[in-house]
Every structure is written in structure tokens, then in C-alpha cells.
Amino acid sequence: MHVTVVAGNPKAGSRTLEAAGLVAERLTGAAPDHVVDVVTLGPGLLGWGDPAVAEAVATVAGSDLVVIASPTFKATYTGVLKLFLDQFATATGLAGVVAVPLMLGAAPTHALAPELLLKPVLVELGAIVPAQGLYLNDRQYADTDVAQTWFAQWGDVLLAAASATTRKGSLA
């Protein structure tokens, strides 16, 4: 199973990136195979055809399981993540990819943001999103007890979906 982490934080090497890696590792028992720290793609995100952006898009689209993470900015995901997601074709860009929408925030005020804002975009791009989005406190994300209920409820579902899907978007 190919696992990728995508972090859409405007700061490279962010807590968002670390949290996404921890979620991927907790789900699969291993570090992710690939990491896309979106902000490091730079101005290539502002147009089409940048080789580094195209390679990152291909890596994500070729993954079985992707944790897509963003801090909560203005009650939604970041603009830099939006720029990256705009690089994927509608309905087919993430076909066959099982995605985990993850957002971090300072308080529970925006706890529904991953479910209401990030998940629908991932589905629009063709991703399979069989679990509720995960919202973690940006200061306590490494606390293994914080998301214990979420992992207990959705961990096996996500792994089964990722194992059952092919990279072409159809169930095996």
C-alpha cells in the first residue's frame, strides 16, 4: 500500500505536516511512503505545467491512501492547499485514492471544518472518503489519546478501503 501525506500549511515543516505523518503512521503502522509539503512547491502552484507540481500531483494520484491536512485558516483550509488541489482533474484526479481529510485548529469551534469543507472537495476530485474528517487541536495533535475514538471507529474502514481499491479507481 502506497501512503502519502499532503500538508497544506503556508509554513514548511509545520505541525500540520507532523500531525498528518502521525495520523498516517497510526493508521498503517509505518511512516508514509511520500510526503508533499505543498508550500515547498512555490510559485509553480500558480499556473499549470510546473514539473515539480506535476510530480507531486502524480505521486498523490498514484497513492492508495492519502492524508490531506491543513490548519484551519479563516474557518476553512488554506489557500496554498486550494492551489494544489486545483491541479487535479475534477471527478478523476483522485479516482481510486482513499483520502483522510485532516484539519488542525486552536479550539473546537471549527471541528466540523474537515467534514464540511475539505471532504467535499476531495470527493469532487474523485477521492474515496469513507470516514469522517478528523479535527485535532494544533497543540495536542501528538497526544495519542486525542483521536483514539476516531481511530477506533474509522481505522479499519480506511485500511480496508485502501486495500480494496486499485489505482484506477475501481474496487478489486
N, C-alpha and C. Protein backbone atom coordinates (compact mmCIF):
# COMPACT_ATOMS: atom_id res chain seq x y z
N MET A 1 0.84 -1.17 0.00
CA MET A 1 0.00 0.00 0.00
C MET A 1 0.89 1.24 0.00
N HIS A 2 0.63 2.12 -0.95
CA HIS A 2 1.38 3.38 -1.03
C HIS A 2 0.62 4.46 -0.29
N VAL A 3 1.30 5.04 0.71
CA VAL A 3 0.69 6.05 1.58
C VAL A 3 1.42 7.37 1.40
N THR A 4 0.64 8.43 1.22
CA THR A 4 1.19 9.76 1.04
C THR A 4 0.54 10.73 2.01
N VAL A 5 1.34 11.66 2.48
CA VAL A 5 0.86 12.74 3.33
C VAL A 5 0.99 14.03 2.53
N VAL A 6 -0.08 14.84 2.56
CA VAL A 6 -0.07 16.16 1.93
C VAL A 6 -0.36 17.18 3.02
N ALA A 7 0.53 18.14 3.18
CA ALA A 7 0.33 19.20 4.17
C ALA A 7 0.20 20.53 3.45
N GLY A 8 -0.91 21.20 3.67
CA GLY A 8 -1.18 22.47 3.03
C GLY A 8 -1.02 23.64 3.97
N ASN A 9 0.06 23.67 4.70
CA ASN A 9 0.34 24.77 5.62
C ASN A 9 1.25 25.77 4.93
N PRO A 10 1.02 27.07 5.11
CA PRO A 10 1.92 28.07 4.48
C PRO A 10 3.34 28.08 5.06
N LYS A 11 3.57 27.30 6.09
CA LYS A 11 4.90 27.20 6.70
C LYS A 11 5.46 25.80 6.45
N ALA A 12 6.63 25.73 5.86
CA ALA A 12 7.26 24.43 5.61
C ALA A 12 7.63 23.76 6.92
N GLY A 13 7.54 22.43 6.94
CA GLY A 13 7.92 21.68 8.13
C GLY A 13 7.01 21.96 9.32
N SER A 14 5.76 22.19 9.08
CA SER A 14 4.80 22.63 10.09
C SER A 14 4.30 21.52 11.02
N ARG A 15 3.57 21.94 12.03
CA ARG A 15 2.87 21.00 12.90
C ARG A 15 1.84 20.22 12.11
N THR A 16 1.25 20.87 11.11
CA THR A 16 0.28 20.20 10.25
C THR A 16 0.92 19.01 9.54
N LEU A 17 2.10 19.21 9.02
CA LEU A 17 2.84 18.14 8.36
C LEU A 17 3.15 17.01 9.36
N GLU A 18 3.60 17.39 10.53
CA GLU A 18 3.91 16.38 11.55
C GLU A 18 2.66 15.61 11.96
N ALA A 19 1.55 16.32 12.16
CA ALA A 19 0.30 15.66 12.55
C ALA A 19 -0.17 14.69 11.48
N ALA A 20 -0.09 15.09 10.22
CA ALA A 20 -0.50 14.22 9.12
C ALA A 20 0.36 12.95 9.08
N GLY A 21 1.65 13.12 9.29
CA GLY A 21 2.53 11.96 9.34
C GLY A 21 2.18 11.02 10.48
N LEU A 22 1.84 11.59 11.62
CA LEU A 22 1.44 10.76 12.78
C LEU A 22 0.15 10.01 12.50
N VAL A 23 -0.81 10.68 11.85
CA VAL A 23 -2.07 10.01 11.51
C VAL A 23 -1.81 8.87 10.54
N ALA A 24 -1.02 9.11 9.51
CA ALA A 24 -0.69 8.05 8.55
C ALA A 24 0.00 6.88 9.23
N GLU A 25 0.94 7.20 10.09
CA GLU A 25 1.67 6.15 10.80
C GLU A 25 0.76 5.37 11.74
N ARG A 26 -0.12 6.06 12.41
CA ARG A 26 -1.04 5.38 13.33
C ARG A 26 -2.00 4.48 12.55
N LEU A 27 -2.42 4.92 11.37
CA LEU A 27 -3.33 4.11 10.57
C LEU A 27 -2.65 2.86 10.02
N THR A 28 -1.43 3.00 9.53
CA THR A 28 -0.78 1.91 8.81
C THR A 28 0.31 1.18 9.58
N GLY A 29 0.77 1.78 10.66
CA GLY A 29 1.86 1.18 11.42
C GLY A 29 3.24 1.48 10.85
N ALA A 30 3.29 2.34 9.84
CA ALA A 30 4.57 2.69 9.22
C ALA A 30 4.56 4.15 8.78
N ALA A 31 5.73 4.70 8.61
CA ALA A 31 5.84 6.07 8.11
C ALA A 31 5.29 6.12 6.69
N PRO A 32 4.76 7.26 6.27
CA PRO A 32 4.25 7.36 4.90
C PRO A 32 5.37 7.17 3.88
N ASP A 33 5.00 6.66 2.72
CA ASP A 33 5.97 6.46 1.64
C ASP A 33 6.41 7.77 1.02
N HIS A 34 5.48 8.74 0.98
CA HIS A 34 5.75 10.02 0.34
C HIS A 34 5.18 11.15 1.19
N VAL A 35 5.85 12.28 1.14
CA VAL A 35 5.40 13.48 1.84
C VAL A 35 5.41 14.63 0.84
N VAL A 36 4.27 15.33 0.75
CA VAL A 36 4.17 16.52 -0.08
C VAL A 36 3.88 17.69 0.85
N ASP A 37 4.90 18.51 1.08
CA ASP A 37 4.76 19.73 1.87
C ASP A 37 4.48 20.83 0.84
N VAL A 38 3.21 21.08 0.58
CA VAL A 38 2.76 21.86 -0.57
C VAL A 38 3.48 23.20 -0.72
N VAL A 39 3.69 23.89 0.38
CA VAL A 39 4.29 25.23 0.28
C VAL A 39 5.68 25.20 -0.36
N THR A 40 6.37 24.09 -0.27
CA THR A 40 7.71 23.98 -0.87
C THR A 40 7.66 23.92 -2.40
N LEU A 41 6.47 23.74 -2.96
CA LEU A 41 6.33 23.72 -4.41
C LEU A 41 6.39 25.13 -5.00
N GLY A 42 6.23 26.13 -4.14
CA GLY A 42 6.44 27.52 -4.53
C GLY A 42 5.52 28.04 -5.61
N PRO A 43 6.03 28.98 -6.40
CA PRO A 43 5.21 29.65 -7.40
C PRO A 43 4.69 28.76 -8.52
N GLY A 44 5.23 27.56 -8.63
CA GLY A 44 4.72 26.61 -9.63
C GLY A 44 3.26 26.27 -9.42
N LEU A 45 2.76 26.49 -8.20
CA LEU A 45 1.35 26.23 -7.90
C LEU A 45 0.41 27.22 -8.57
N LEU A 46 0.95 28.35 -9.00
CA LEU A 46 0.11 29.42 -9.53
C LEU A 46 -0.25 29.26 -11.00
N GLY A 47 0.29 28.25 -11.65
CA GLY A 47 0.00 28.02 -13.06
C GLY A 47 -0.13 26.54 -13.33
N TRP A 48 0.03 26.17 -14.58
CA TRP A 48 -0.09 24.77 -14.99
C TRP A 48 1.21 24.34 -15.65
N GLY A 49 1.58 23.09 -15.43
CA GLY A 49 2.71 22.52 -16.14
C GLY A 49 4.04 22.56 -15.41
N ASP A 50 4.08 23.05 -14.19
CA ASP A 50 5.33 23.05 -13.44
C ASP A 50 5.74 21.60 -13.17
N PRO A 51 6.97 21.21 -13.48
CA PRO A 51 7.38 19.81 -13.31
C PRO A 51 7.31 19.31 -11.87
N ALA A 52 7.70 20.11 -10.90
CA ALA A 52 7.66 19.67 -9.50
C ALA A 52 6.22 19.48 -9.03
N VAL A 53 5.35 20.39 -9.44
CA VAL A 53 3.94 20.27 -9.08
C VAL A 53 3.33 19.04 -9.76
N ALA A 54 3.64 18.84 -11.03
CA ALA A 54 3.13 17.68 -11.76
C ALA A 54 3.59 16.38 -11.11
N GLU A 55 4.83 16.35 -10.66
CA GLU A 55 5.33 15.15 -9.98
C GLU A 55 4.61 14.91 -8.66
N ALA A 56 4.36 15.97 -7.90
CA ALA A 56 3.62 15.84 -6.63
C ALA A 56 2.20 15.37 -6.89
N VAL A 57 1.55 15.91 -7.91
CA VAL A 57 0.19 15.51 -8.26
C VAL A 57 0.18 14.03 -8.65
N ALA A 58 1.13 13.60 -9.45
CA ALA A 58 1.21 12.20 -9.86
C ALA A 58 1.44 11.28 -8.67
N THR A 59 2.27 11.72 -7.74
CA THR A 59 2.53 10.92 -6.54
C THR A 59 1.25 10.73 -5.73
N VAL A 60 0.53 11.82 -5.51
CA VAL A 60 -0.71 11.74 -4.73
C VAL A 60 -1.75 10.90 -5.48
N ALA A 61 -1.92 11.14 -6.78
CA ALA A 61 -2.91 10.41 -7.56
C ALA A 61 -2.58 8.91 -7.66
N GLY A 62 -1.32 8.55 -7.52
CA GLY A 62 -0.89 7.16 -7.59
C GLY A 62 -0.86 6.46 -6.25
N SER A 63 -1.29 7.14 -5.21
CA SER A 63 -1.28 6.56 -3.86
C SER A 63 -2.55 5.78 -3.59
N ASP A 64 -2.46 4.86 -2.65
CA ASP A 64 -3.63 4.11 -2.22
C ASP A 64 -4.36 4.85 -1.10
N LEU A 65 -3.59 5.47 -0.22
CA LEU A 65 -4.14 6.19 0.93
C LEU A 65 -3.40 7.51 1.06
N VAL A 66 -4.16 8.60 1.20
CA VAL A 66 -3.56 9.93 1.33
C VAL A 66 -4.19 10.64 2.52
N VAL A 67 -3.36 11.16 3.40
CA VAL A 67 -3.82 12.03 4.47
C VAL A 67 -3.58 13.45 3.98
N ILE A 68 -4.66 14.20 3.81
CA ILE A 68 -4.57 15.57 3.29
C ILE A 68 -4.90 16.51 4.44
N ALA A 69 -3.91 17.30 4.84
CA ALA A 69 -4.02 18.09 6.06
C ALA A 69 -3.85 19.58 5.82
N SER A 70 -4.55 20.35 6.64
CA SER A 70 -4.46 21.80 6.59
C SER A 70 -4.73 22.36 7.97
N PRO A 71 -4.08 23.46 8.32
CA PRO A 71 -4.53 24.17 9.50
C PRO A 71 -5.85 24.86 9.16
N THR A 72 -6.61 25.23 10.16
CA THR A 72 -7.84 25.97 9.93
C THR A 72 -7.50 27.44 9.82
N PHE A 73 -7.72 28.01 8.64
CA PHE A 73 -7.48 29.43 8.38
C PHE A 73 -8.81 30.05 7.98
N LYS A 74 -9.23 31.07 8.69
CA LYS A 74 -10.49 31.76 8.37
C LYS A 74 -11.64 30.76 8.25
N ALA A 75 -11.66 29.78 9.13
CA ALA A 75 -12.70 28.76 9.24
C ALA A 75 -12.70 27.73 8.10
N THR A 76 -11.63 27.68 7.30
CA THR A 76 -11.56 26.71 6.22
C THR A 76 -10.11 26.26 6.02
N TYR A 77 -9.84 25.49 4.97
CA TYR A 77 -8.49 25.06 4.66
C TYR A 77 -7.74 26.21 3.98
N THR A 78 -6.44 26.08 3.87
CA THR A 78 -5.60 27.18 3.39
C THR A 78 -5.66 27.36 1.88
N GLY A 79 -5.28 28.55 1.46
CA GLY A 79 -5.20 28.86 0.04
C GLY A 79 -4.13 28.05 -0.67
N VAL A 80 -3.03 27.78 0.01
CA VAL A 80 -1.95 27.01 -0.62
C VAL A 80 -2.42 25.58 -0.89
N LEU A 81 -3.25 25.02 -0.01
CA LEU A 81 -3.81 23.69 -0.28
C LEU A 81 -4.80 23.77 -1.44
N LYS A 82 -5.59 24.82 -1.49
CA LYS A 82 -6.53 25.01 -2.60
C LYS A 82 -5.79 25.08 -3.92
N LEU A 83 -4.69 25.81 -3.97
CA LEU A 83 -3.90 25.88 -5.20
C LEU A 83 -3.42 24.50 -5.64
N PHE A 84 -3.01 23.68 -4.68
CA PHE A 84 -2.55 22.33 -5.01
C PHE A 84 -3.72 21.47 -5.50
N LEU A 85 -4.84 21.51 -4.80
CA LEU A 85 -5.98 20.69 -5.19
C LEU A 85 -6.54 21.11 -6.55
N ASP A 86 -6.38 22.38 -6.91
CA ASP A 86 -6.81 22.85 -8.23
C ASP A 86 -6.04 22.18 -9.37
N GLN A 87 -4.91 21.58 -9.07
CA GLN A 87 -4.10 20.91 -10.09
C GLN A 87 -4.67 19.55 -10.51
N PHE A 88 -5.65 19.04 -9.74
CA PHE A 88 -6.23 17.73 -10.01
C PHE A 88 -7.48 17.88 -10.88
N ALA A 89 -7.68 16.97 -11.81
CA ALA A 89 -8.87 16.99 -12.66
C ALA A 89 -10.11 16.70 -11.83
N THR A 90 -11.18 17.41 -12.14
CA THR A 90 -12.45 17.18 -11.48
C THR A 90 -12.93 15.77 -11.77
N ALA A 91 -13.41 15.10 -10.74
CA ALA A 91 -14.00 13.76 -10.81
C ALA A 91 -13.01 12.63 -11.01
N THR A 92 -11.88 12.88 -11.61
CA THR A 92 -10.94 11.78 -11.90
C THR A 92 -9.55 11.98 -11.31
N GLY A 93 -9.24 13.17 -10.86
CA GLY A 93 -7.88 13.46 -10.39
C GLY A 93 -7.42 12.60 -9.23
N LEU A 94 -8.36 12.25 -8.36
CA LEU A 94 -8.03 11.40 -7.21
C LEU A 94 -8.82 10.08 -7.25
N ALA A 95 -9.25 9.68 -8.43
CA ALA A 95 -10.02 8.44 -8.57
C ALA A 95 -9.24 7.25 -8.01
N GLY A 96 -9.90 6.48 -7.19
CA GLY A 96 -9.28 5.29 -6.62
C GLY A 96 -8.39 5.54 -5.43
N VAL A 97 -8.27 6.79 -5.00
CA VAL A 97 -7.44 7.14 -3.85
C VAL A 97 -8.34 7.28 -2.62
N VAL A 98 -7.99 6.60 -1.56
CA VAL A 98 -8.70 6.75 -0.30
C VAL A 98 -8.07 7.93 0.43
N ALA A 99 -8.89 8.91 0.79
CA ALA A 99 -8.37 10.13 1.39
C ALA A 99 -8.90 10.32 2.81
N VAL A 100 -8.04 10.89 3.64
CA VAL A 100 -8.39 11.26 5.01
C VAL A 100 -8.27 12.78 5.11
N PRO A 101 -9.40 13.49 5.24
CA PRO A 101 -9.33 14.93 5.45
C PRO A 101 -8.98 15.23 6.91
N LEU A 102 -7.90 15.95 7.11
CA LEU A 102 -7.41 16.27 8.46
C LEU A 102 -7.21 17.77 8.56
N MET A 103 -7.75 18.35 9.61
CA MET A 103 -7.51 19.78 9.86
C MET A 103 -7.13 19.98 11.31
N LEU A 104 -6.29 20.96 11.54
CA LEU A 104 -5.86 21.33 12.88
C LEU A 104 -6.37 22.72 13.20
N GLY A 105 -6.69 22.94 14.46
CA GLY A 105 -7.15 24.25 14.88
C GLY A 105 -6.89 24.46 16.36
N ALA A 106 -7.05 25.70 16.79
CA ALA A 106 -6.74 26.06 18.17
C ALA A 106 -7.85 25.71 19.16
N ALA A 107 -9.07 25.57 18.68
CA ALA A 107 -10.20 25.33 19.56
C ALA A 107 -11.23 24.48 18.81
N PRO A 108 -12.16 23.89 19.54
CA PRO A 108 -13.16 23.03 18.89
C PRO A 108 -14.19 23.78 18.06
N THR A 109 -14.09 25.08 17.99
CA THR A 109 -15.05 25.91 17.25
C THR A 109 -15.22 25.45 15.80
N HIS A 110 -14.15 25.02 15.18
CA HIS A 110 -14.20 24.64 13.76
C HIS A 110 -14.06 23.13 13.56
N ALA A 111 -14.51 22.36 14.52
CA ALA A 111 -14.34 20.91 14.48
C ALA A 111 -15.03 20.26 13.27
N LEU A 112 -16.02 20.91 12.72
CA LEU A 112 -16.70 20.34 11.55
C LEU A 112 -16.04 20.73 10.22
N ALA A 113 -15.03 21.57 10.27
CA ALA A 113 -14.40 22.06 9.04
C ALA A 113 -13.90 20.94 8.12
N PRO A 114 -13.24 19.91 8.62
CA PRO A 114 -12.78 18.86 7.70
C PRO A 114 -13.96 18.17 6.98
N GLU A 115 -15.03 17.99 7.70
CA GLU A 115 -16.20 17.30 7.16
C GLU A 115 -16.99 18.20 6.20
N LEU A 116 -17.14 19.45 6.56
CA LEU A 116 -17.96 20.37 5.77
C LEU A 116 -17.22 21.01 4.60
N LEU A 117 -15.92 21.20 4.72
CA LEU A 117 -15.19 21.99 3.73
C LEU A 117 -14.15 21.19 2.94
N LEU A 118 -13.37 20.37 3.61
CA LEU A 118 -12.30 19.65 2.91
C LEU A 118 -12.81 18.37 2.26
N LYS A 119 -13.60 17.62 2.96
CA LYS A 119 -14.11 16.35 2.43
C LYS A 119 -14.86 16.51 1.11
N PRO A 120 -15.79 17.48 0.98
CA PRO A 120 -16.50 17.61 -0.30
C PRO A 120 -15.57 17.92 -1.49
N VAL A 121 -14.52 18.67 -1.27
CA VAL A 121 -13.58 18.96 -2.35
C VAL A 121 -12.86 17.68 -2.78
N LEU A 122 -12.45 16.88 -1.81
CA LEU A 122 -11.76 15.63 -2.13
C LEU A 122 -12.68 14.68 -2.90
N VAL A 123 -13.94 14.61 -2.49
CA VAL A 123 -14.92 13.78 -3.20
C VAL A 123 -15.13 14.31 -4.62
N GLU A 124 -15.21 15.63 -4.77
CA GLU A 124 -15.37 16.24 -6.10
C GLU A 124 -14.22 15.87 -7.04
N LEU A 125 -13.05 15.66 -6.46
CA LEU A 125 -11.88 15.28 -7.27
C LEU A 125 -11.81 13.77 -7.51
N GLY A 126 -12.78 13.03 -6.98
CA GLY A 126 -12.86 11.60 -7.23
C GLY A 126 -12.34 10.72 -6.12
N ALA A 127 -11.87 11.31 -5.03
CA ALA A 127 -11.34 10.51 -3.92
C ALA A 127 -12.45 9.72 -3.23
N ILE A 128 -12.07 8.62 -2.66
CA ILE A 128 -12.96 7.83 -1.82
C ILE A 128 -12.70 8.29 -0.39
N VAL A 129 -13.73 8.78 0.27
CA VAL A 129 -13.57 9.31 1.63
C VAL A 129 -14.59 8.61 2.53
N PRO A 130 -14.27 7.39 2.99
CA PRO A 130 -15.25 6.60 3.72
C PRO A 130 -15.36 6.93 5.21
N ALA A 131 -14.55 7.85 5.70
CA ALA A 131 -14.55 8.17 7.13
C ALA A 131 -14.84 9.65 7.34
N GLN A 132 -15.30 9.96 8.54
CA GLN A 132 -15.46 11.36 8.92
C GLN A 132 -14.11 12.05 8.88
N GLY A 133 -14.12 13.33 8.54
CA GLY A 133 -12.90 14.11 8.62
C GLY A 133 -12.43 14.19 10.06
N LEU A 134 -11.15 14.35 10.23
CA LEU A 134 -10.54 14.40 11.57
C LEU A 134 -10.07 15.80 11.88
N TYR A 135 -10.46 16.30 13.04
CA TYR A 135 -10.05 17.63 13.50
C TYR A 135 -9.26 17.45 14.79
N LEU A 136 -8.05 17.99 14.82
CA LEU A 136 -7.20 17.88 16.00
C LEU A 136 -6.79 19.25 16.49
N ASN A 137 -6.62 19.36 17.78
CA ASN A 137 -6.11 20.59 18.37
C ASN A 137 -4.66 20.75 17.93
N ASP A 138 -4.31 21.93 17.46
CA ASP A 138 -2.96 22.11 16.92
C ASP A 138 -1.85 22.09 17.96
N ARG A 139 -2.20 22.04 19.22
CA ARG A 139 -1.19 21.94 20.27
C ARG A 139 -1.16 20.56 20.94
N GLN A 140 -2.18 19.74 20.64
CA GLN A 140 -2.27 18.43 21.27
C GLN A 140 -2.37 17.29 20.26
N TYR A 141 -2.04 17.56 19.01
CA TYR A 141 -2.20 16.55 17.97
C TYR A 141 -1.37 15.30 18.20
N ALA A 142 -0.24 15.44 18.90
CA ALA A 142 0.64 14.29 19.12
C ALA A 142 0.17 13.41 20.28
N ASP A 143 -0.81 13.89 21.03
CA ASP A 143 -1.37 13.13 22.14
C ASP A 143 -2.13 11.94 21.55
N THR A 144 -1.65 10.76 21.79
CA THR A 144 -2.25 9.57 21.17
C THR A 144 -3.68 9.31 21.63
N ASP A 145 -4.10 9.89 22.74
CA ASP A 145 -5.46 9.68 23.22
C ASP A 145 -6.47 10.63 22.59
N VAL A 146 -5.99 11.72 22.00
CA VAL A 146 -6.89 12.74 21.47
C VAL A 146 -7.83 12.16 20.41
N ALA A 147 -7.31 11.41 19.48
CA ALA A 147 -8.13 10.88 18.39
C ALA A 147 -8.43 9.39 18.55
N GLN A 148 -8.29 8.87 19.75
CA GLN A 148 -8.46 7.44 19.97
C GLN A 148 -9.81 6.93 19.47
N THR A 149 -10.87 7.65 19.74
CA THR A 149 -12.20 7.24 19.30
C THR A 149 -12.28 7.22 17.78
N TRP A 150 -11.72 8.24 17.14
CA TRP A 150 -11.75 8.31 15.67
C TRP A 150 -11.01 7.13 15.06
N PHE A 151 -9.81 6.84 15.56
CA PHE A 151 -9.04 5.70 15.03
C PHE A 151 -9.76 4.38 15.28
N ALA A 152 -10.38 4.23 16.44
CA ALA A 152 -11.11 3.00 16.74
C ALA A 152 -12.30 2.83 15.80
N GLN A 153 -12.97 3.91 15.48
CA GLN A 153 -14.14 3.84 14.62
C GLN A 153 -13.79 3.70 13.14
N TRP A 154 -12.77 4.41 12.68
CA TRP A 154 -12.52 4.52 11.25
C TRP A 154 -11.24 3.87 10.74
N GLY A 155 -10.33 3.50 11.61
CA GLY A 155 -9.05 2.95 11.16
C GLY A 155 -9.19 1.73 10.27
N ASP A 156 -9.95 0.74 10.71
CA ASP A 156 -10.12 -0.48 9.92
C ASP A 156 -10.87 -0.21 8.62
N VAL A 157 -11.83 0.69 8.67
CA VAL A 157 -12.60 1.05 7.46
C VAL A 157 -11.66 1.65 6.41
N LEU A 158 -10.82 2.58 6.84
CA LEU A 158 -9.89 3.22 5.90
C LEU A 158 -8.90 2.23 5.32
N LEU A 159 -8.35 1.38 6.16
CA LEU A 159 -7.38 0.40 5.67
C LEU A 159 -8.03 -0.60 4.72
N ALA A 160 -9.25 -1.03 5.04
CA ALA A 160 -9.96 -1.97 4.16
C ALA A 160 -10.25 -1.31 2.81
N ALA A 161 -10.69 -0.07 2.84
CA ALA A 161 -10.98 0.65 1.58
C ALA A 161 -9.72 0.81 0.75
N ALA A 162 -8.62 1.19 1.40
CA ALA A 162 -7.37 1.39 0.67
C ALA A 162 -6.84 0.06 0.11
N SER A 163 -7.03 -1.00 0.83
CA SER A 163 -6.58 -2.31 0.35
C SER A 163 -7.44 -2.84 -0.79
N ALA A 164 -8.72 -2.47 -0.79
CA ALA A 164 -9.66 -2.98 -1.79
C ALA A 164 -9.65 -2.20 -3.08
N THR A 165 -9.09 -1.03 -3.09
CA THR A 165 -9.14 -0.19 -4.28
C THR A 165 -7.89 -0.33 -5.11
N THR A 166 -8.08 -0.24 -6.38
CA THR A 166 -6.92 -0.22 -7.27
C THR A 166 -6.60 1.24 -7.58
N ARG A 167 -5.50 1.49 -8.15
CA ARG A 167 -5.13 2.86 -8.51
C ARG A 167 -5.94 3.39 -9.68
N LYS A 168 -6.70 2.55 -10.30
CA LYS A 168 -7.52 3.01 -11.43
C LYS A 168 -8.90 3.48 -10.97
N GLY A 169 -9.19 3.36 -9.68
CA GLY A 169 -10.45 3.90 -9.17
C GLY A 169 -11.58 2.91 -9.08
N SER A 170 -11.34 1.64 -9.36
CA SER A 170 -12.41 0.67 -9.23
C SER A 170 -12.09 -0.29 -8.11
N LEU A 171 -13.13 -0.85 -7.56
CA LEU A 171 -12.91 -1.81 -6.48
C LEU A 171 -12.41 -3.12 -7.05
N ALA A 172 -11.50 -3.74 -6.33
CA ALA A 172 -10.92 -5.01 -6.77
C ALA A 172 -11.89 -6.14 -6.58
